[in-house]
Amino acid sequence: MTSNSNFSLMIHGGAGALDNVRDQATAVRYLESMRLILEFGREILARGGSAVEAVESCASELEDNPLFNAGCGSVLNEDGQVEMDAGIMDGRDLAAGAVAGVSGIANPVQLARLIMDGSEHVLLSGAGALRYAEHCKVPLASDEYFRTPERVAQLAQAKAHKAIMLDHDDSGEGQKYGTIGAVARDLNGNLAAATSTGGIVNKRLGRIGDSCLIGAGVYADNANGAVSTTGYGEDFIRTALAKMVADLIEYRGLDAQGAVDFALEHFRRKVGGRGGLICIDHQGRCASAMTTKKMIHGWIEQGGDSHCRF
């Protein structure tokens, strides 16, 4: 029997067909990266660190890993530029911070945290977000930091097909899905969530996805749960899916898995939604589900062993 007084942690690295994971060596690269970040988060939570600290730190580690579509691994828009979105939320008091359409920021989730903690606003975009980063003395990264050969090749492929594409290969549908996220419940029972992304390959200049939108791509409330989504952002925006999962826990009395399954069925039926999500409920129970073939994710439930899978 597990105790709900312990901590729980979940992370994800994107959803889709993941046809780019064709061999054992590639699979191991993804899974080992996830495992290391989970153990990094375990150290924070086990020593009494807060859920907010854990999700910000784990999301930052994912942003620093070029395997994933966020931070230095962000995909490129139609102009060959990086435009990133990120959001973070503290379940203790519903405090939230977010950035949209930012460039040159190595860790957008950290800038979102600064907005949450130090400004009177929730969401800053573009030049305004960069001005706030300057105010907070956040260093800027060069364009070369973000323009990896893989992302340049992805953009060329998308332009050749005259299509927008998300991150993880799905040759059958011509779609790729990618975002990173983390949700946590700390030893004091507090919940937090964070989501960060480079968006969609070859997206239009100025496109903003769900990752920075509270209630769509990220949500946390101690009364119900913490949620982070990944996939085709417009589908999550139209269904406000992260908030729906939280409401199902609080107002229908569902546990994390029941709420996630109910919401994903709604997501599929209403908009043919493409993607997945992770959730920890207020009792520390972990759940995940996806409408795509796979989702890279991992979890530690109530202080137990770490698990990673596609």
Protein backbone atom coordinates (compact mmCIF):
# COMPACT_ATOMS: atom_id res chain seq x y z
CA MET A 1 0.00 0.00 0.00
CA THR A 2 1.32 3.41 -0.88
CA SER A 3 1.05 6.54 1.23
CA ASN A 4 -0.35 9.77 -0.20
CA SER A 5 1.94 11.70 2.16
CA ASN A 6 4.86 11.04 -0.21
CA PHE A 7 5.83 13.02 -3.31
CA SER A 8 4.92 12.27 -6.93
CA LEU A 9 6.45 13.50 -10.16
CA MET A 10 5.64 13.10 -13.88
CA ILE A 11 7.36 14.44 -17.00
CA HIS A 12 6.70 14.17 -20.74
CA GLY A 13 8.70 14.86 -23.87
CA GLY A 14 6.05 14.94 -26.58
CA ALA A 15 3.43 12.77 -28.27
CA GLY A 16 2.98 11.41 -31.78
CA ALA A 17 3.78 8.35 -33.84
CA LEU A 18 7.46 8.72 -32.90
CA ASP A 19 8.49 7.02 -36.13
CA ASN A 20 11.90 8.61 -35.61
CA VAL A 21 12.46 6.09 -32.77
CA ARG A 22 13.17 3.19 -35.08
CA ASP A 23 15.97 1.39 -33.24
CA GLN A 24 16.94 0.40 -29.73
CA ALA A 25 19.77 2.91 -29.50
CA THR A 26 17.45 5.85 -30.24
CA ALA A 27 14.85 4.56 -27.81
CA VAL A 28 17.46 4.25 -25.09
CA ARG A 29 18.60 7.86 -25.67
CA TYR A 30 15.08 9.14 -25.05
CA LEU A 31 14.27 6.86 -22.13
CA GLU A 32 17.60 7.36 -20.37
CA SER A 33 17.23 11.13 -20.70
CA MET A 34 13.80 10.90 -19.12
CA ARG A 35 15.04 8.64 -16.31
CA LEU A 36 17.89 10.99 -15.42
CA ILE A 37 15.55 13.97 -15.25
CA LEU A 38 13.10 12.03 -13.09
CA GLU A 39 15.89 11.16 -10.66
CA PHE A 40 17.00 14.80 -10.70
CA GLY A 41 13.47 15.78 -9.72
CA ARG A 42 13.34 13.05 -7.08
CA GLU A 43 16.32 14.61 -5.28
CA ILE A 44 14.55 17.97 -5.15
CA LEU A 45 11.29 16.59 -3.82
CA ALA A 46 12.86 14.09 -1.39
CA ARG A 47 14.84 16.84 0.36
CA GLY A 48 11.66 18.87 0.83
CA GLY A 49 11.84 21.06 -2.26
CA SER A 50 8.56 22.53 -3.46
CA ALA A 51 6.47 21.25 -6.34
CA VAL A 52 7.08 24.56 -8.15
CA GLU A 53 10.84 24.15 -7.80
CA ALA A 54 10.61 20.56 -9.07
CA VAL A 55 8.56 21.31 -12.19
CA GLU A 56 10.63 24.39 -13.09
CA SER A 57 13.89 22.46 -12.67
CA CYS A 58 12.73 19.36 -14.57
CA ALA A 59 11.26 21.46 -17.39
CA SER A 60 14.54 23.40 -17.59
CA GLU A 61 16.47 20.12 -17.93
CA LEU A 62 14.16 19.08 -20.77
CA GLU A 63 14.62 22.50 -22.41
CA ASP A 64 18.40 22.02 -22.24
CA ASN A 65 18.21 18.66 -24.05
CA PRO A 66 18.12 19.01 -27.88
CA LEU A 67 16.19 15.74 -28.17
CA PHE A 68 13.05 17.58 -27.14
CA ASN A 69 11.07 20.38 -28.78
CA ALA A 70 11.63 23.16 -26.24
CA GLY A 71 14.50 25.48 -25.34
CA CYS A 72 17.59 24.57 -27.33
CA GLY A 73 15.72 21.82 -29.23
CA SER A 74 12.92 24.11 -30.40
CA VAL A 75 11.60 23.71 -33.93
CA LEU A 76 11.70 26.56 -36.45
CA ASN A 77 8.84 28.68 -37.79
CA GLU A 78 8.17 29.62 -41.43
CA ASP A 79 10.92 32.25 -41.28
CA GLY A 80 13.49 29.82 -39.84
CA GLN A 81 13.22 31.43 -36.41
CA VAL A 82 12.56 30.04 -32.94
CA GLU A 83 9.44 31.32 -31.19
CA MET A 84 8.82 29.59 -27.86
CA ASP A 85 5.91 29.42 -25.41
CA ALA A 86 5.94 28.29 -21.78
CA GLY A 87 3.73 28.36 -18.71
CA ILE A 88 3.98 27.45 -15.03
CA MET A 89 1.33 27.30 -12.29
CA ASP A 90 1.41 26.95 -8.50
CA GLY A 91 -1.48 24.92 -7.11
CA ARG A 92 -1.26 26.52 -3.67
CA ASP A 93 -2.82 29.82 -4.72
CA LEU A 94 -3.40 29.51 -8.50
CA ALA A 95 -0.46 31.84 -9.17
CA ALA A 96 0.68 31.51 -12.78
CA GLY A 97 3.22 32.92 -15.20
CA ALA A 98 3.66 32.45 -18.94
CA VAL A 99 5.54 33.67 -22.00
CA ALA A 100 4.52 33.51 -25.66
CA GLY A 101 6.48 33.93 -28.89
CA VAL A 102 9.85 34.53 -27.25
CA SER A 103 13.24 34.12 -28.92
CA GLY A 104 16.74 34.07 -27.49
CA ILE A 105 15.68 32.73 -24.08
CA ALA A 106 17.41 29.45 -23.23
CA ASN A 107 14.86 28.50 -20.58
CA PRO A 108 11.44 30.07 -21.23
CA VAL A 109 9.96 28.23 -18.24
CA GLN A 110 12.33 30.16 -15.95
CA LEU A 111 11.15 33.45 -17.44
CA ALA A 112 7.56 32.30 -16.87
CA ARG A 113 8.45 31.65 -13.22
CA LEU A 114 9.90 35.16 -12.90
CA ILE A 115 6.69 36.63 -14.31
CA MET A 116 4.65 34.54 -11.86
CA ASP A 117 6.72 35.58 -8.86
CA GLY A 118 7.64 39.14 -9.72
CA SER A 119 5.06 40.80 -11.95
CA GLU A 120 1.40 41.72 -11.71
CA HIS A 121 0.67 39.85 -14.97
CA VAL A 122 0.21 36.23 -16.00
CA LEU A 123 1.27 36.23 -19.67
CA LEU A 124 3.80 38.37 -21.53
CA SER A 125 4.57 37.94 -25.23
CA GLY A 126 7.26 38.83 -27.76
CA ALA A 127 9.08 42.12 -27.21
CA GLY A 128 7.34 42.71 -23.88
CA ALA A 129 8.49 39.38 -22.53
CA LEU A 130 12.04 40.10 -23.69
CA ARG A 131 11.92 43.51 -22.00
CA TYR A 132 10.90 41.80 -18.77
CA ALA A 133 13.72 39.27 -19.22
CA GLU A 134 16.15 42.18 -19.54
CA HIS A 135 14.64 43.74 -16.40
CA CYS A 136 15.28 40.46 -14.57
CA LYS A 137 18.81 40.21 -16.02
CA VAL A 138 18.05 36.96 -17.84
CA PRO A 139 20.93 36.33 -20.29
CA LEU A 140 20.09 35.90 -23.99
CA ALA A 141 21.29 32.96 -26.05
CA SER A 142 22.52 33.31 -29.64
CA ASP A 143 20.53 32.11 -32.67
CA GLU A 144 23.15 29.41 -33.19
CA TYR A 145 22.26 27.88 -29.82
CA PHE A 146 18.81 26.98 -31.15
CA ARG A 147 19.48 26.20 -34.84
CA THR A 148 20.44 22.52 -34.65
CA PRO A 149 21.01 20.62 -37.93
CA GLU A 150 18.02 18.40 -37.18
CA ARG A 151 15.65 21.36 -36.79
CA VAL A 152 16.94 23.00 -40.00
CA ALA A 153 16.35 19.70 -41.85
CA GLN A 154 12.84 19.39 -40.35
CA LEU A 155 11.93 22.86 -41.59
CA ALA A 156 13.22 22.04 -45.08
CA GLN A 157 11.12 18.86 -45.08
CA ALA A 158 8.00 20.71 -43.95
CA LYS A 159 8.46 23.40 -46.61
CA ALA A 160 8.98 20.71 -49.27
CA HIS A 161 5.60 19.23 -48.29
CA LYS A 162 4.05 22.70 -47.94
CA ALA A 163 2.83 21.69 -44.49
CA ILE A 164 3.13 22.57 -40.86
CA MET A 165 4.50 19.72 -38.76
CA LEU A 166 4.89 19.05 -35.09
CA ASP A 167 8.03 17.57 -33.66
CA HIS A 168 7.89 13.78 -33.49
CA ASP A 169 7.77 12.01 -36.84
CA ASP A 170 4.50 10.53 -37.98
CA SER A 171 5.10 9.73 -41.61
CA GLY A 172 1.65 8.19 -41.99
CA GLU A 173 -0.18 11.40 -41.09
CA GLY A 174 2.47 13.92 -42.08
CA GLN A 175 2.24 15.28 -38.53
CA LYS A 176 4.75 15.70 -35.73
CA TYR A 177 3.89 16.49 -32.14
CA GLY A 178 6.15 17.94 -29.48
CA THR A 179 6.23 19.80 -26.18
CA ILE A 180 7.76 19.10 -22.80
CA GLY A 181 6.14 19.25 -19.41
CA ALA A 182 6.32 18.36 -15.74
CA VAL A 183 3.79 18.01 -12.92
CA ALA A 184 4.57 17.36 -9.25
CA ARG A 185 3.10 16.94 -5.79
CA ASP A 186 5.54 17.74 -2.99
CA LEU A 187 5.83 16.39 0.56
CA ASN A 188 3.44 19.07 1.81
CA GLY A 189 0.77 18.03 -0.68
CA ASN A 190 1.23 21.08 -2.91
CA LEU A 191 0.81 20.69 -6.66
CA ALA A 192 2.47 22.49 -9.60
CA ALA A 193 2.65 22.15 -13.38
CA ALA A 194 4.89 23.49 -16.16
CA THR A 195 4.79 23.17 -19.95
CA SER A 196 7.23 24.51 -22.58
CA THR A 197 7.50 24.21 -26.36
CA GLY A 198 8.99 25.43 -29.59
CA GLY A 199 5.62 24.81 -31.23
CA ILE A 200 5.06 23.46 -34.73
CA VAL A 201 7.61 23.11 -37.51
CA ASN A 202 6.98 25.74 -40.23
CA LYS A 203 4.27 27.42 -38.13
CA ARG A 204 3.16 30.89 -39.12
CA LEU A 205 5.04 33.80 -37.60
CA GLY A 206 3.31 34.81 -34.38
CA ARG A 207 1.45 31.53 -33.81
CA ILE A 208 0.85 30.88 -30.11
CA GLY A 209 0.04 27.38 -28.88
CA ASP A 210 -1.54 25.92 -25.78
CA SER A 211 1.58 25.50 -23.63
CA CYS A 212 1.45 29.06 -22.28
CA LEU A 213 -2.33 29.19 -21.90
CA ILE A 214 -3.53 28.44 -18.36
CA GLY A 215 -6.27 25.84 -18.50
CA ALA A 216 -5.41 24.64 -22.00
CA GLY A 217 -1.82 23.34 -21.85
CA VAL A 218 -1.01 23.71 -18.16
CA TYR A 219 -2.99 23.83 -14.92
CA ALA A 220 -2.50 23.17 -11.20
CA ASP A 221 -4.80 23.50 -8.18
CA ASN A 222 -4.22 21.84 -4.81
CA ALA A 223 -7.96 21.10 -4.66
CA ASN A 224 -7.82 18.74 -7.63
CA GLY A 225 -4.65 18.09 -9.66
CA ALA A 226 -1.77 19.22 -11.85
CA VAL A 227 -1.88 18.75 -15.63
CA SER A 228 0.49 19.25 -18.58
CA THR A 229 -0.48 18.52 -22.19
CA THR A 230 1.37 17.84 -25.45
CA GLY A 231 0.22 17.62 -29.03
CA TYR A 232 -1.63 19.79 -31.52
CA GLY A 233 -2.04 22.94 -29.47
CA GLU A 234 -5.07 24.33 -31.24
CA ASP A 235 -7.06 21.23 -30.18
CA PHE A 236 -6.16 21.80 -26.52
CA ILE A 237 -6.99 25.50 -26.72
CA ARG A 238 -10.46 24.84 -28.14
CA THR A 239 -11.28 22.27 -25.43
CA ALA A 240 -9.48 23.92 -22.44
CA LEU A 241 -8.51 20.35 -21.64
CA ALA A 242 -6.13 20.81 -18.71
CA LYS A 243 -8.81 22.70 -16.73
CA MET A 244 -11.39 20.09 -17.70
CA VAL A 245 -9.28 17.32 -16.14
CA ALA A 246 -8.95 19.34 -12.93
CA ASP A 247 -12.70 20.01 -12.80
CA LEU A 248 -13.51 16.33 -13.30
CA ILE A 249 -11.39 15.48 -10.25
CA GLU A 250 -12.92 18.17 -8.06
CA TYR A 251 -16.55 18.17 -9.12
CA ARG A 252 -17.12 14.57 -10.24
CA GLY A 253 -14.87 12.94 -7.66
CA LEU A 254 -12.79 11.09 -10.25
CA ASP A 255 -9.22 10.02 -9.59
CA ALA A 256 -6.42 11.08 -11.93
CA GLN A 257 -6.82 8.18 -14.37
CA GLY A 258 -10.60 8.44 -14.46
CA ALA A 259 -10.43 12.16 -15.18
CA VAL A 260 -7.75 11.77 -17.85
CA ASP A 261 -9.67 9.01 -19.63
CA PHE A 262 -12.93 10.98 -19.56
CA ALA A 263 -11.26 14.14 -20.85
CA LEU A 264 -9.39 12.33 -23.65
CA GLU A 265 -12.63 10.79 -24.89
CA HIS A 266 -14.18 14.28 -24.93
CA PHE A 267 -11.04 15.58 -26.71
CA ARG A 268 -11.28 12.89 -29.38
CA ARG A 269 -15.01 13.15 -29.89
CA LYS A 270 -15.34 16.95 -29.94
CA VAL A 271 -12.39 18.02 -32.06
CA GLY A 272 -10.62 14.83 -33.19
CA GLY A 273 -7.87 15.95 -30.82
CA ARG A 274 -4.29 14.83 -31.35
CA GLY A 275 -1.97 14.57 -28.37
CA GLY A 276 -1.67 13.39 -24.79
CA LEU A 277 -1.38 14.58 -21.22
CA ILE A 278 0.00 13.75 -17.79
CA CYS A 279 -1.74 14.35 -14.47
CA ILE A 280 -1.11 13.98 -10.74
CA ASP A 281 -4.20 14.32 -8.59
CA HIS A 282 -4.40 15.81 -5.09
CA GLN A 283 -3.82 12.35 -3.60
CA GLY A 284 -0.55 11.94 -5.52
CA ARG A 285 -1.91 9.39 -8.01
CA CYS A 286 -0.30 9.53 -11.46
CA ALA A 287 -2.10 9.11 -14.78
CA SER A 288 -1.47 9.58 -18.48
CA ALA A 289 -3.26 8.99 -21.76
CA MET A 290 -2.90 9.91 -25.43
CA THR A 291 -4.84 9.83 -28.68
CA THR A 292 -1.62 9.48 -30.67
CA LYS A 293 0.30 6.24 -31.07
CA LYS A 294 2.84 7.13 -28.40
CA MET A 295 3.90 9.73 -25.84
CA ILE A 296 7.34 9.92 -24.25
CA HIS A 297 6.73 10.13 -20.52
CA GLY A 298 7.90 9.00 -17.12
CA TRP A 299 6.73 9.05 -13.51
CA ILE A 300 7.49 8.47 -9.85
CA GLU A 301 4.29 7.73 -7.95
CA GLN A 302 4.27 8.41 -4.22
CA GLY A 303 8.03 8.09 -3.84
CA GLY A 304 8.25 4.72 -5.63
CA ASP A 305 10.44 3.53 -8.47
CA SER A 306 10.87 5.60 -11.62
CA HIS A 307 9.18 4.41 -14.83
CA CYS A 308 9.68 5.63 -18.41
CA ARG A 309 7.91 4.56 -21.56
CA PHE A 310 6.64 5.63 -24.96
